[in-house]
Structures are given as structure tokens and as C-alpha cells.
Amino acid sequence: MTAMSSEPIYKIAPRALWEEAESTKRFEGAPIDRADGYIHLSTAAQVRETAAKHFAGATDLVLIGVDPARLGDALKWEPSRGGQLFPHLYGPLALEAVLFAEALPVGPSGFHIFPASIR
């Protein structure tokens, strides 16, 4: 995936943080995002591994689909896990760029259950 792609990108966040963002109309990221100076995002191909690595067993999460075309120059594609390019947002996530936000439940297997549209 390149920076020119129009495929959605994704953020996993605790429900409480997302509800706060909905009320303030601004998502500043999770504590790790603020500490790193950017909001960590994933492509469809990366998001399951992100969930398994950073959110294993965590409940009460929200999967947020984001339109990268609406993020402008604040979106950078940078090497991370295994040298893969990951989308990083240097600034708050404008709610106008959000395509959807839905529950990300944990299934009986212990892994998160993603929407069928994310392959």
C-alpha cells in the first residue's frame, strides 16, 4: 500500500477514549500515540497483527475506519514492524475523516473479531 492509496486505514482505541473524542469532536490519540508524537494507524493487512500484538485480550475496544485522503499532509507512511510502511498521523484525527467506528469484540478464540470487509 502506498501513500496514494484510497483504501481505508484503521485505528484501534479503547471505547472510553473514542467516546471522549466524539464528545469533543477531536481525537488526540491514546497515551502511546501522544508519547510517540503521532497517532498509530494500520492498513487492513496490518490491523489484525496490531490487535494481537498491542491489544491481546483487551475488551471494550473500538475499530475506527479512516479515509486517508481526508488526512492531508499530516499522514506519513513510515517503516515500522518488520520494515513495513505504517500510516502515522502527525496531529489530531478529525472526525470528518472517520468512515465508521464500531465495537471490536474478542471472540471465543481470544482473538478480536474484525468486520468481514477487512481482509
PDB file of N, CA and C in Angstrom:
ATOM      1  N   MET A   1       0.855  -1.188   0.000  1.00  0.00           N
ATOM      2  CA  MET A   1       0.000   0.000   0.000  1.00  0.00           C
ATOM      3  C   MET A   1       0.890   1.237   0.000  1.00  0.00           C
ATOM      4  N   THR A   2       0.506   2.219  -0.742  1.00  0.00           N
ATOM      5  CA  THR A   2       1.282   3.447  -0.829  1.00  0.00           C
ATOM      6  C   THR A   2       0.491   4.599  -0.232  1.00  0.00           C
ATOM      7  N   ALA A   3       1.150   5.695  -0.090  1.00  0.00           N
ATOM      8  CA  ALA A   3       0.505   6.886   0.448  1.00  0.00           C
ATOM      9  C   ALA A   3      -0.617   7.371  -0.465  1.00  0.00           C
ATOM     10  N   MET A   4      -0.585   6.941  -1.716  1.00  0.00           N
ATOM     11  CA  MET A   4      -1.608   7.378  -2.657  1.00  0.00           C
ATOM     12  C   MET A   4      -2.864   6.513  -2.592  1.00  0.00           C
ATOM     13  N   SER A   5      -2.820   5.444  -1.820  1.00  0.00           N
ATOM     14  CA  SER A   5      -3.942   4.527  -1.758  1.00  0.00           C
ATOM     15  C   SER A   5      -5.168   5.202  -1.150  1.00  0.00           C
ATOM     16  N   SER A   6      -6.325   4.806  -1.660  1.00  0.00           N
ATOM     17  CA  SER A   6      -7.569   5.343  -1.113  1.00  0.00           C
ATOM     18  C   SER A   6      -8.254   4.322  -0.205  1.00  0.00           C
ATOM     19  N   GLU A   7      -7.589   3.181   0.029  1.00  0.00           N
ATOM     20  CA  GLU A   7      -8.155   2.177   0.930  1.00  0.00           C
ATOM     21  C   GLU A   7      -8.197   2.725   2.350  1.00  0.00           C
ATOM     22  N   PRO A   8      -9.239   2.402   3.103  1.00  0.00           N
ATOM     23  CA  PRO A   8      -9.306   2.875   4.490  1.00  0.00           C
ATOM     24  C   PRO A   8      -8.113   2.380   5.316  1.00  0.00           C
ATOM     25  N   ILE A   9      -7.775   3.151   6.307  1.00  0.00           N
ATOM     26  CA  ILE A   9      -6.791   2.757   7.306  1.00  0.00           C
ATOM     27  C   ILE A   9      -7.514   2.722   8.646  1.00  0.00           C
ATOM     28  N   TYR A  10      -6.877   2.139   9.658  1.00  0.00           N
ATOM     29  CA  TYR A  10      -7.607   1.812  10.881  1.00  0.00           C
ATOM     30  C   TYR A  10      -6.855   2.209  12.143  1.00  0.00           C
ATOM     31  N   LYS A  11      -7.644   2.549  13.143  1.00  0.00           N
ATOM     32  CA  LYS A  11      -7.150   2.830  14.491  1.00  0.00           C
ATOM     33  C   LYS A  11      -7.944   1.961  15.457  1.00  0.00           C
ATOM     34  N   ILE A  12      -7.260   1.336  16.398  1.00  0.00           N
ATOM     35  CA  ILE A  12      -7.908   0.602  17.481  1.00  0.00           C
ATOM     36  C   ILE A  12      -7.753   1.468  18.722  1.00  0.00           C
ATOM     37  N   ALA A  13      -8.857   1.691  19.415  1.00  0.00           N
ATOM     38  CA  ALA A  13      -8.814   2.552  20.598  1.00  0.00           C
ATOM     39  C   ALA A  13      -9.766   2.034  21.675  1.00  0.00           C
ATOM     40  N   PRO A  14      -9.434   2.297  22.920  1.00  0.00           N
ATOM     41  CA  PRO A  14     -10.383   1.980  23.990  1.00  0.00           C
ATOM     42  C   PRO A  14     -11.666   2.794  23.796  1.00  0.00           C
ATOM     43  N   ARG A  15     -12.789   2.169  24.067  1.00  0.00           N
ATOM     44  CA  ARG A  15     -14.088   2.821  23.876  1.00  0.00           C
ATOM     45  C   ARG A  15     -14.163   4.173  24.603  1.00  0.00           C
ATOM     46  N   ALA A  16     -13.668   4.238  25.819  1.00  0.00           N
ATOM     47  CA  ALA A  16     -13.756   5.487  26.593  1.00  0.00           C
ATOM     48  C   ALA A  16     -13.040   6.634  25.889  1.00  0.00           C
ATOM     49  N   LEU A  17     -11.870   6.354  25.310  1.00  0.00           N
ATOM     50  CA  LEU A  17     -11.146   7.404  24.579  1.00  0.00           C
ATOM     51  C   LEU A  17     -11.924   7.850  23.355  1.00  0.00           C
ATOM     52  N   TRP A  18     -12.543   6.893  22.658  1.00  0.00           N
ATOM     53  CA  TRP A  18     -13.302   7.243  21.465  1.00  0.00           C
ATOM     54  C   TRP A  18     -14.548   8.042  21.823  1.00  0.00           C
ATOM     55  N   GLU A  19     -15.218   7.656  22.892  1.00  0.00           N
ATOM     56  CA  GLU A  19     -16.415   8.405  23.311  1.00  0.00           C
ATOM     57  C   GLU A  19     -16.049   9.834  23.687  1.00  0.00           C
ATOM     58  N   GLU A  20     -14.895  10.012  24.302  1.00  0.00           N
ATOM     59  CA  GLU A  20     -14.417  11.360  24.613  1.00  0.00           C
ATOM     60  C   GLU A  20     -14.187  12.145  23.323  1.00  0.00           C
ATOM     61  N   ALA A  21     -13.595  11.496  22.335  1.00  0.00           N
ATOM     62  CA  ALA A  21     -13.350  12.153  21.047  1.00  0.00           C
ATOM     63  C   ALA A  21     -14.655  12.555  20.381  1.00  0.00           C
ATOM     64  N   GLU A  22     -15.649  11.693  20.454  1.00  0.00           N
ATOM     65  CA  GLU A  22     -16.937  12.029  19.858  1.00  0.00           C
ATOM     66  C   GLU A  22     -17.565  13.237  20.538  1.00  0.00           C
ATOM     67  N   SER A  23     -17.383  13.360  21.834  1.00  0.00           N
ATOM     68  CA  SER A  23     -17.986  14.497  22.541  1.00  0.00           C
ATOM     69  C   SER A  23     -17.216  15.792  22.293  1.00  0.00           C
ATOM     70  N   THR A  24     -15.885  15.708  22.123  1.00  0.00           N
ATOM     71  CA  THR A  24     -15.081  16.907  21.887  1.00  0.00           C
ATOM     72  C   THR A  24     -14.864  17.186  20.405  1.00  0.00           C
ATOM     73  N   LYS A  25     -15.278  16.228  19.547  1.00  0.00           N
ATOM     74  CA  LYS A  25     -15.114  16.329  18.088  1.00  0.00           C
ATOM     75  C   LYS A  25     -13.642  16.338  17.666  1.00  0.00           C
ATOM     76  N   ARG A  26     -12.798  15.679  18.497  1.00  0.00           N
ATOM     77  CA  ARG A  26     -11.364  15.680  18.228  1.00  0.00           C
ATOM     78  C   ARG A  26     -10.741  14.457  18.898  1.00  0.00           C
ATOM     79  N   PHE A  27      -9.956  13.687  18.150  1.00  0.00           N
ATOM     80  CA  PHE A  27      -9.270  12.530  18.712  1.00  0.00           C
ATOM     81  C   PHE A  27      -7.776  12.815  18.739  1.00  0.00           C
ATOM     82  N   GLU A  28      -7.250  12.906  19.933  1.00  0.00           N
ATOM     83  CA  GLU A  28      -5.830  13.232  20.124  1.00  0.00           C
ATOM     84  C   GLU A  28      -4.960  11.984  20.199  1.00  0.00           C
ATOM     85  N   GLY A  29      -5.594  10.804  20.226  1.00  0.00           N
ATOM     86  CA  GLY A  29      -4.840   9.566  20.306  1.00  0.00           C
ATOM     87  C   GLY A  29      -4.807   9.008  21.715  1.00  0.00           C
ATOM     88  N   ALA A  30      -4.280   7.800  21.807  1.00  0.00           N
ATOM     89  CA  ALA A  30      -4.108   7.121  23.093  1.00  0.00           C
ATOM     90  C   ALA A  30      -2.812   7.621  23.738  1.00  0.00           C
ATOM     91  N   PRO A  31      -2.579   7.287  24.992  1.00  0.00           N
ATOM     92  CA  PRO A  31      -1.337   7.734  25.644  1.00  0.00           C
ATOM     93  C   PRO A  31      -0.067   7.371  24.855  1.00  0.00           C
ATOM     94  N   ILE A  32      -0.014   6.178  24.268  1.00  0.00           N
ATOM     95  CA  ILE A  32       1.168   5.794  23.483  1.00  0.00           C
ATOM     96  C   ILE A  32       1.326   6.693  22.256  1.00  0.00           C
ATOM     97  N   ASP A  33       0.219   7.087  21.645  1.00  0.00           N
ATOM     98  CA  ASP A  33       0.274   7.993  20.491  1.00  0.00           C
ATOM     99  C   ASP A  33       0.843   9.341  20.906  1.00  0.00           C
ATOM    100  N   ARG A  34       0.324   9.866  22.000  1.00  0.00           N
ATOM    101  CA  ARG A  34       0.793  11.180  22.469  1.00  0.00           C
ATOM    102  C   ARG A  34       2.267  11.114  22.848  1.00  0.00           C
ATOM    103  N   ALA A  35       2.695  10.006  23.461  1.00  0.00           N
ATOM    104  CA  ALA A  35       4.106   9.850  23.838  1.00  0.00           C
ATOM    105  C   ALA A  35       5.010   9.773  22.612  1.00  0.00           C
ATOM    106  N   ASP A  36       4.541   9.108  21.552  1.00  0.00           N
ATOM    107  CA  ASP A  36       5.350   8.950  20.340  1.00  0.00           C
ATOM    108  C   ASP A  36       5.270  10.163  19.412  1.00  0.00           C
ATOM    109  N   GLY A  37       4.279  11.031  19.616  1.00  0.00           N
ATOM    110  CA  GLY A  37       4.164  12.238  18.805  1.00  0.00           C
ATOM    111  C   GLY A  37       3.335  12.078  17.546  1.00  0.00           C
ATOM    112  N   TYR A  38       2.672  10.941  17.401  1.00  0.00           N
ATOM    113  CA  TYR A  38       1.789  10.717  16.256  1.00  0.00           C
ATOM    114  C   TYR A  38       0.786   9.629  16.613  1.00  0.00           C
ATOM    115  N   ILE A  39      -0.315   9.587  15.856  1.00  0.00           N
ATOM    116  CA  ILE A  39      -1.337   8.561  16.059  1.00  0.00           C
ATOM    117  C   ILE A  39      -0.976   7.361  15.192  1.00  0.00           C
ATOM    118  N   HIS A  40      -0.824   6.214  15.845  1.00  0.00           N
ATOM    119  CA  HIS A  40      -0.512   4.965  15.161  1.00  0.00           C
ATOM    120  C   HIS A  40      -1.759   4.463  14.427  1.00  0.00           C
ATOM    121  N   LEU A  41      -1.616   4.171  13.159  1.00  0.00           N
ATOM    122  CA  LEU A  41      -2.694   3.623  12.337  1.00  0.00           C
ATOM    123  C   LEU A  41      -2.175   2.368  11.642  1.00  0.00           C
ATOM    124  N   SER A  42      -3.087   1.582  11.086  1.00  0.00           N
ATOM    125  CA  SER A  42      -2.717   0.349  10.386  1.00  0.00           C
ATOM    126  C   SER A  42      -3.538   0.220   9.114  1.00  0.00           C
ATOM    127  N   THR A  43      -2.984  -0.494   8.147  1.00  0.00           N
ATOM    128  CA  THR A  43      -3.736  -0.851   6.957  1.00  0.00           C
ATOM    129  C   THR A  43      -4.591  -2.080   7.276  1.00  0.00           C
ATOM    130  N   ALA A  44      -5.445  -2.451   6.343  1.00  0.00           N
ATOM    131  CA  ALA A  44      -6.256  -3.655   6.523  1.00  0.00           C
ATOM    132  C   ALA A  44      -5.369  -4.884   6.687  1.00  0.00           C
ATOM    133  N   ALA A  45      -4.254  -4.931   5.973  1.00  0.00           N
ATOM    134  CA  ALA A  45      -3.343  -6.069   6.058  1.00  0.00           C
ATOM    135  C   ALA A  45      -2.571  -6.104   7.373  1.00  0.00           C
ATOM    136  N   GLN A  46      -2.493  -4.986   8.074  1.00  0.00           N
ATOM    137  CA  GLN A  46      -1.703  -4.886   9.298  1.00  0.00           C
ATOM    138  C   GLN A  46      -2.525  -4.905  10.578  1.00  0.00           C
ATOM    139  N   VAL A  47      -3.807  -4.582  10.500  1.00  0.00           N
ATOM    140  CA  VAL A  47      -4.580  -4.293  11.706  1.00  0.00           C
ATOM    141  C   VAL A  47      -4.787  -5.511  12.605  1.00  0.00           C
ATOM    142  N   ARG A  48      -4.911  -6.695  12.043  1.00  0.00           N
ATOM    143  CA  ARG A  48      -5.080  -7.888  12.889  1.00  0.00           C
ATOM    144  C   ARG A  48      -3.827  -8.149  13.723  1.00  0.00           C
ATOM    145  N   GLU A  49      -2.658  -8.009  13.108  1.00  0.00           N
ATOM    146  CA  GLU A  49      -1.406  -8.197  13.845  1.00  0.00           C
ATOM    147  C   GLU A  49      -1.249  -7.103  14.904  1.00  0.00           C
ATOM    148  N   THR A  50      -1.655  -5.889  14.581  1.00  0.00           N
ATOM    149  CA  THR A  50      -1.610  -4.803  15.563  1.00  0.00           C
ATOM    150  C   THR A  50      -2.478  -5.148  16.763  1.00  0.00           C
ATOM    151  N   ALA A  51      -3.671  -5.669  16.511  1.00  0.00           N
ATOM    152  CA  ALA A  51      -4.570  -6.049  17.604  1.00  0.00           C
ATOM    153  C   ALA A  51      -3.951  -7.144  18.458  1.00  0.00           C
ATOM    154  N   ALA A  52      -3.383  -8.161  17.805  1.00  0.00           N
ATOM    155  CA  ALA A  52      -2.801  -9.284  18.534  1.00  0.00           C
ATOM    156  C   ALA A  52      -1.577  -8.862  19.346  1.00  0.00           C
ATOM    157  N   LYS A  53      -0.778  -7.977  18.784  1.00  0.00           N
ATOM    158  CA  LYS A  53       0.470  -7.566  19.445  1.00  0.00           C
ATOM    159  C   LYS A  53       0.257  -6.549  20.560  1.00  0.00           C
ATOM    160  N   HIS A  54      -0.624  -5.591  20.336  1.00  0.00           N
ATOM    161  CA  HIS A  54      -0.762  -4.478  21.275  1.00  0.00           C
ATOM    162  C   HIS A  54      -2.047  -4.490  22.102  1.00  0.00           C
ATOM    163  N   PHE A  55      -3.031  -5.295  21.701  1.00  0.00           N
ATOM    164  CA  PHE A  55      -4.327  -5.285  22.379  1.00  0.00           C
ATOM    165  C   PHE A  55      -4.810  -6.693  22.730  1.00  0.00           C
ATOM    166  N   ALA A  56      -3.900  -7.663  22.829  1.00  0.00           N
ATOM    167  CA  ALA A  56      -4.273  -9.054  23.089  1.00  0.00           C
ATOM    168  C   ALA A  56      -5.186  -9.162  24.311  1.00  0.00           C
ATOM    169  N   GLY A  57      -6.362  -9.737  24.095  1.00  0.00           N
ATOM    170  CA  GLY A  57      -7.307  -9.967  25.183  1.00  0.00           C
ATOM    171  C   GLY A  57      -8.044  -8.738  25.674  1.00  0.00           C
ATOM    172  N   ALA A  58      -7.686  -7.562  25.165  1.00  0.00           N
ATOM    173  CA  ALA A  58      -8.337  -6.326  25.624  1.00  0.00           C
ATOM    174  C   ALA A  58      -9.779  -6.280  25.140  1.00  0.00           C
ATOM    175  N   THR A  59     -10.648  -5.898  26.033  1.00  0.00           N
ATOM    176  CA  THR A  59     -12.065  -5.772  25.692  1.00  0.00           C
ATOM    177  C   THR A  59     -12.444  -4.296  25.674  1.00  0.00           C
ATOM    178  N   ASP A  60     -13.643  -4.028  25.239  1.00  0.00           N
ATOM    179  CA  ASP A  60     -14.179  -2.669  25.177  1.00  0.00           C
ATOM    180  C   ASP A  60     -13.357  -1.760  24.270  1.00  0.00           C
ATOM    181  N   LEU A  61     -12.990  -2.323  23.118  1.00  0.00           N
ATOM    182  CA  LEU A  61     -12.246  -1.566  22.109  1.00  0.00           C
ATOM    183  C   LEU A  61     -13.164  -1.159  20.972  1.00  0.00           C
ATOM    184  N   VAL A  62     -12.718  -0.148  20.234  1.00  0.00           N
ATOM    185  CA  VAL A  62     -13.430   0.334  19.056  1.00  0.00           C
ATOM    186  C   VAL A  62     -12.464   0.281  17.876  1.00  0.00           C
ATOM    187  N   LEU A  63     -12.957  -0.210  16.748  1.00  0.00           N
ATOM    188  CA  LEU A  63     -12.211  -0.172  15.498  1.00  0.00           C
ATOM    189  C   LEU A  63     -12.711   1.031  14.721  1.00  0.00           C
ATOM    190  N   ILE A  64     -11.786   1.910  14.367  1.00  0.00           N
ATOM    191  CA  ILE A  64     -12.132   3.150  13.688  1.00  0.00           C
ATOM    192  C   ILE A  64     -11.576   3.090  12.266  1.00  0.00           C
ATOM    193  N   GLY A  65     -12.472   3.193  11.284  1.00  0.00           N
ATOM    194  CA  GLY A  65     -12.062   3.234   9.886  1.00  0.00           C
ATOM    195  C   GLY A  65     -11.869   4.680   9.467  1.00  0.00           C
ATOM    196  N   VAL A  66     -10.758   4.953   8.795  1.00  0.00           N
ATOM    197  CA  VAL A  66     -10.386   6.326   8.455  1.00  0.00           C
ATOM    198  C   VAL A  66     -10.117   6.433   6.958  1.00  0.00           C
ATOM    199  N   ASP A  67     -10.581   7.512   6.358  1.00  0.00           N
ATOM    200  CA  ASP A  67     -10.315   7.812   4.954  1.00  0.00           C
ATOM    201  C   ASP A  67      -8.980   8.559   4.874  1.00  0.00           C
ATOM    202  N   PRO A  68      -7.922   7.917   4.362  1.00  0.00           N
ATOM    203  CA  PRO A  68      -6.618   8.580   4.338  1.00  0.00           C
ATOM    204  C   PRO A  68      -6.584   9.831   3.468  1.00  0.00           C
ATOM    205  N   ALA A  69      -7.461   9.908   2.473  1.00  0.00           N
ATOM    206  CA  ALA A  69      -7.477  11.078   1.584  1.00  0.00           C
ATOM    207  C   ALA A  69      -7.888  12.344   2.337  1.00  0.00           C
ATOM    208  N   ARG A  70      -8.556  12.179   3.470  1.00  0.00           N
ATOM    209  CA  ARG A  70      -9.012  13.343   4.248  1.00  0.00           C
ATOM    210  C   ARG A  70      -8.013  13.786   5.309  1.00  0.00           C
ATOM    211  N   LEU A  71      -6.850  13.161   5.347  1.00  0.00           N
ATOM    212  CA  LEU A  71      -5.877  13.488   6.399  1.00  0.00           C
ATOM    213  C   LEU A  71      -4.803  14.471   5.948  1.00  0.00           C
ATOM    214  N   GLY A  72      -4.679  14.653   4.655  1.00  0.00           N
ATOM    215  CA  GLY A  72      -3.729  15.636   4.139  1.00  0.00           C
ATOM    216  C   GLY A  72      -2.280  15.280   4.428  1.00  0.00           C
ATOM    217  N   ASP A  73      -1.462  16.322   4.533  1.00  0.00           N
ATOM    218  CA  ASP A  73      -0.019  16.155   4.712  1.00  0.00           C
ATOM    219  C   ASP A  73       0.370  15.665   6.095  1.00  0.00           C
ATOM    220  N   ALA A  74      -0.571  15.647   7.037  1.00  0.00           N
ATOM    221  CA  ALA A  74      -0.265  15.159   8.388  1.00  0.00           C
ATOM    222  C   ALA A  74      -0.071  13.644   8.404  1.00  0.00           C
ATOM    223  N   LEU A  75      -0.519  12.949   7.343  1.00  0.00           N
ATOM    224  CA  LEU A  75      -0.362  11.499   7.252  1.00  0.00           C
ATOM    225  C   LEU A  75       0.974  11.171   6.591  1.00  0.00           C
ATOM    226  N   LYS A  76       1.777  10.403   7.312  1.00  0.00           N
ATOM    227  CA  LYS A  76       3.082   9.977   6.800  1.00  0.00           C
ATOM    228  C   LYS A  76       3.136   8.453   6.822  1.00  0.00           C
ATOM    229  N   TRP A  77       3.774   7.868   5.819  1.00  0.00           N
ATOM    230  CA  TRP A  77       3.979   6.421   5.744  1.00  0.00           C
ATOM    231  C   TRP A  77       5.420   6.157   6.120  1.00  0.00           C
ATOM    232  N   GLU A  78       5.611   5.462   7.254  1.00  0.00           N
ATOM    233  CA  GLU A  78       6.954   5.280   7.793  1.00  0.00           C
ATOM    234  C   GLU A  78       7.209   3.814   8.141  1.00  0.00           C
ATOM    235  N   PRO A  79       8.472   3.373   8.014  1.00  0.00           N
ATOM    236  CA  PRO A  79       8.804   1.989   8.340  1.00  0.00           C
ATOM    237  C   PRO A  79       8.600   1.711   9.829  1.00  0.00           C
ATOM    238  N   SER A  80       8.068   0.544  10.103  1.00  0.00           N
ATOM    239  CA  SER A  80       7.873   0.107  11.487  1.00  0.00           C
ATOM    240  C   SER A  80       8.084  -1.398  11.521  1.00  0.00           C
ATOM    241  N   ARG A  81       7.163  -2.122  12.140  1.00  0.00           N
ATOM    242  CA  ARG A  81       7.280  -3.572  12.302  1.00  0.00           C
ATOM    243  C   ARG A  81       7.772  -4.258  11.042  1.00  0.00           C
ATOM    244  N   GLY A  82       8.910  -4.922  11.135  1.00  0.00           N
ATOM    245  CA  GLY A  82       9.425  -5.685  10.008  1.00  0.00           C
ATOM    246  C   GLY A  82       9.744  -4.852   8.780  1.00  0.00           C
ATOM    247  N   GLY A  83       9.916  -3.553   8.947  1.00  0.00           N
ATOM    248  CA  GLY A  83      10.215  -2.676   7.821  1.00  0.00           C
ATOM    249  C   GLY A  83       9.004  -2.281   6.994  1.00  0.00           C
ATOM    250  N   GLN A  84       7.810  -2.767   7.386  1.00  0.00           N
ATOM    251  CA  GLN A  84       6.585  -2.397   6.667  1.00  0.00           C
ATOM    252  C   GLN A  84       6.307  -0.905   6.838  1.00  0.00           C
ATOM    253  N   LEU A  85       5.709  -0.303   5.817  1.00  0.00           N
ATOM    254  CA  LEU A  85       5.288   1.081   5.938  1.00  0.00           C
ATOM    255  C   LEU A  85       3.944   1.124   6.658  1.00  0.00           C
ATOM    256  N   PHE A  86       3.905   1.892   7.734  1.00  0.00           N
ATOM    257  CA  PHE A  86       2.683   2.078   8.503  1.00  0.00           C
ATOM    258  C   PHE A  86       2.240   3.531   8.395  1.00  0.00           C
ATOM    259  N   PRO A  87       0.932   3.762   8.392  1.00  0.00           N
ATOM    260  CA  PRO A  87       0.436   5.137   8.391  1.00  0.00           C
ATOM    261  C   PRO A  87       0.523   5.739   9.789  1.00  0.00           C
ATOM    262  N   HIS A  88       1.133   6.908   9.874  1.00  0.00           N
ATOM    263  CA  HIS A  88       1.246   7.657  11.125  1.00  0.00           C
ATOM    264  C   HIS A  88       0.651   9.041  10.900  1.00  0.00           C
ATOM    265  N   LEU A  89      -0.215   9.453  11.807  1.00  0.00           N
ATOM    266  CA  LEU A  89      -0.874  10.754  11.684  1.00  0.00           C
ATOM    267  C   LEU A  89      -0.256  11.729  12.676  1.00  0.00           C
ATOM    268  N   TYR A  90       0.397  12.753  12.148  1.00  0.00           N
ATOM    269  CA  TYR A  90       1.042  13.770  12.975  1.00  0.00           C
ATOM    270  C   TYR A  90       0.069  14.912  13.221  1.00  0.00           C
ATOM    271  N   GLY A  91      -0.778  14.719  14.174  1.00  0.00           N
ATOM    272  CA  GLY A  91      -1.802  15.697  14.541  1.00  0.00           C
ATOM    273  C   GLY A  91      -3.052  14.958  14.950  1.00  0.00           C
ATOM    274  N   PRO A  92      -4.057  15.690  15.391  1.00  0.00           N
ATOM    275  CA  PRO A  92      -5.299  15.034  15.807  1.00  0.00           C
ATOM    276  C   PRO A  92      -6.045  14.439  14.610  1.00  0.00           C
ATOM    277  N   LEU A  93      -6.844  13.437  14.904  1.00  0.00           N
ATOM    278  CA  LEU A  93      -7.688  12.810  13.893  1.00  0.00           C
ATOM    279  C   LEU A  93      -9.004  13.570  13.839  1.00  0.00           C
ATOM    280  N   ALA A  94      -9.245  14.231  12.716  1.00  0.00           N
ATOM    281  CA  ALA A  94     -10.504  14.956  12.532  1.00  0.00           C
ATOM    282  C   ALA A  94     -11.629  13.949  12.355  1.00  0.00           C
ATOM    283  N   LEU A  95     -12.705  14.130  13.059  1.00  0.00           N
ATOM    284  CA  LEU A  95     -13.811  13.188  12.972  1.00  0.00           C
ATOM    285  C   LEU A  95     -14.433  13.156  11.575  1.00  0.00           C
ATOM    286  N   GLU A  96     -14.226  14.199  10.791  1.00  0.00           N
ATOM    287  CA  GLU A  96     -14.730  14.228   9.421  1.00  0.00           C
ATOM    288  C   GLU A  96     -14.042  13.176   8.556  1.00  0.00           C
ATOM    289  N   ALA A  97     -12.865  12.715   8.963  1.00  0.00           N
ATOM    290  CA  ALA A  97     -12.128  11.693   8.210  1.00  0.00           C
ATOM    291  C   ALA A  97     -12.544  10.275   8.589  1.00  0.00           C
ATOM    292  N   VAL A  98     -13.367  10.145   9.629  1.00  0.00           N
ATOM    293  CA  VAL A  98     -13.763   8.823  10.122  1.00  0.00           C
ATOM    294  C   VAL A  98     -14.917   8.269   9.289  1.00  0.00           C
ATOM    295  N   LEU A  99     -14.722   7.067   8.779  1.00  0.00           N
ATOM    296  CA  LEU A  99     -15.739   6.390   7.980  1.00  0.00           C
ATOM    297  C   LEU A  99     -16.705   5.616   8.867  1.00  0.00           C
ATOM    298  N   PHE A 100     -16.185   5.023   9.935  1.00  0.00           N
ATOM    299  CA  PHE A 100     -17.017   4.293  10.895  1.00  0.00           C
ATOM    300  C   PHE A 100     -16.232   4.062  12.175  1.00  0.00           C
ATOM    301  N   ALA A 101     -16.952   3.796  13.223  1.00  0.00           N
ATOM    302  CA  ALA A 101     -16.362   3.377  14.500  1.00  0.00           C
ATOM    303  C   ALA A 101     -17.305   2.329  15.061  1.00  0.00           C
ATOM    304  N   GLU A 102     -16.786   1.117  15.249  1.00  0.00           N
ATOM    305  CA  GLU A 102     -17.635   0.037  15.734  1.00  0.00           C
ATOM    306  C   GLU A 102     -16.881  -0.819  16.740  1.00  0.00           C
ATOM    307  N   ALA A 103     -17.640  -1.528  17.547  1.00  0.00           N
ATOM    308  CA  ALA A 103     -17.058  -2.391  18.572  1.00  0.00           C
ATOM    309  C   ALA A 103     -16.120  -3.411  17.944  1.00  0.00           C
ATOM    310  N   LEU A 104     -15.043  -3.716  18.663  1.00  0.00           N
ATOM    311  CA  LEU A 104     -14.088  -4.735  18.244  1.00  0.00           C
ATOM    312  C   LEU A 104     -14.056  -5.809  19.334  1.00  0.00           C
ATOM    313  N   PRO A 105     -14.999  -6.742  19.268  1.00  0.00           N
ATOM    314  CA  PRO A 105     -15.120  -7.738  20.339  1.00  0.00           C
ATOM    315  C   PRO A 105     -14.034  -8.818  20.272  1.00  0.00           C
ATOM    316  N   VAL A 106     -13.848  -9.468  21.398  1.00  0.00           N
ATOM    317  CA  VAL A 106     -12.950 -10.616  21.477  1.00  0.00           C
ATOM    318  C   VAL A 106     -13.811 -11.867  21.340  1.00  0.00           C
ATOM    319  N   GLY A 107     -13.403 -12.750  20.445  1.00  0.00           N
ATOM    320  CA  GLY A 107     -14.151 -13.978  20.223  1.00  0.00           C
ATOM    321  C   GLY A 107     -13.732 -15.079  21.179  1.00  0.00           C
ATOM    322  N   PRO A 108     -14.397 -16.229  21.107  1.00  0.00           N
ATOM    323  CA  PRO A 108     -14.092 -17.358  21.978  1.00  0.00           C
ATOM    324  C   PRO A 108     -12.643 -17.836  21.853  1.00  0.00           C
ATOM    325  N   SER A 109     -12.024 -17.591  20.696  1.00  0.00           N
ATOM    326  CA  SER A 109     -10.634 -17.997  20.475  1.00  0.00           C
ATOM    327  C   SER A 109      -9.645 -17.097  21.212  1.00  0.00           C
ATOM    328  N   GLY A 110     -10.143 -15.958  21.725  1.00  0.00           N
ATOM    329  CA  GLY A 110      -9.261 -14.997  22.379  1.00  0.00           C
ATOM    330  C   GLY A 110      -8.758 -13.913  21.441  1.00  0.00           C
ATOM    331  N   PHE A 111      -9.063 -14.047  20.151  1.00  0.00           N
ATOM    332  CA  PHE A 111      -8.663 -13.037  19.174  1.00  0.00           C
ATOM    333  C   PHE A 111      -9.838 -12.112  18.875  1.00  0.00           C
ATOM    334  N   HIS A 112      -9.522 -10.890  18.471  1.00  0.00           N
ATOM    335  CA  HIS A 112     -10.565  -9.928  18.137  1.00  0.00           C
ATOM    336  C   HIS A 112     -11.267 -10.343  16.846  1.00  0.00           C
ATOM    337  N   ILE A 113     -12.547 -10.023  16.791  1.00  0.00           N
ATOM    338  CA  ILE A 113     -13.370 -10.347  15.629  1.00  0.00           C
ATOM    339  C   ILE A 113     -13.512  -9.077  14.787  1.00  0.00           C
ATOM    340  N   PHE A 114     -12.954  -9.120  13.593  1.00  0.00           N
ATOM    341  CA  PHE A 114     -12.988  -7.972  12.698  1.00  0.00           C
ATOM    342  C   PHE A 114     -14.143  -8.087  11.730  1.00  0.00           C
ATOM    343  N   PRO A 115     -14.633  -6.950  11.224  1.00  0.00           N
ATOM    344  CA  PRO A 115     -15.684  -6.985  10.202  1.00  0.00           C
ATOM    345  C   PRO A 115     -15.208  -7.777   8.991  1.00  0.00           C
ATOM    346  N   ALA A 116     -16.114  -8.441   8.332  1.00  0.00           N
ATOM    347  CA  ALA A 116     -15.786  -9.250   7.154  1.00  0.00           C
ATOM    348  C   ALA A 116     -15.179  -8.411   6.036  1.00  0.00           C
ATOM    349  N   SER A 117     -15.456  -7.118   6.015  1.00  0.00           N
ATOM    350  CA  SER A 117     -14.941  -6.250   4.956  1.00  0.00           C
ATOM    351  C   SER A 117     -13.436  -6.004   5.059  1.00  0.00           C
ATOM    352  N   ILE A 118     -12.832  -6.335   6.194  1.00  0.00           N
ATOM    353  CA  ILE A 118     -11.393  -6.120   6.376  1.00  0.00           C
ATOM    354  C   ILE A 118     -10.676  -7.434   6.140  1.00  0.00           C
ATOM    355  N   ARG A 119      -9.950  -7.505   5.066  1.00  0.00           N
ATOM    356  CA  ARG A 119      -9.236  -8.739   4.687  1.00  0.00           C
ATOM    357  C   ARG A 119      -7.773  -8.612   4.909  1.00  0.00           C
TER     358      ARG A 119
END
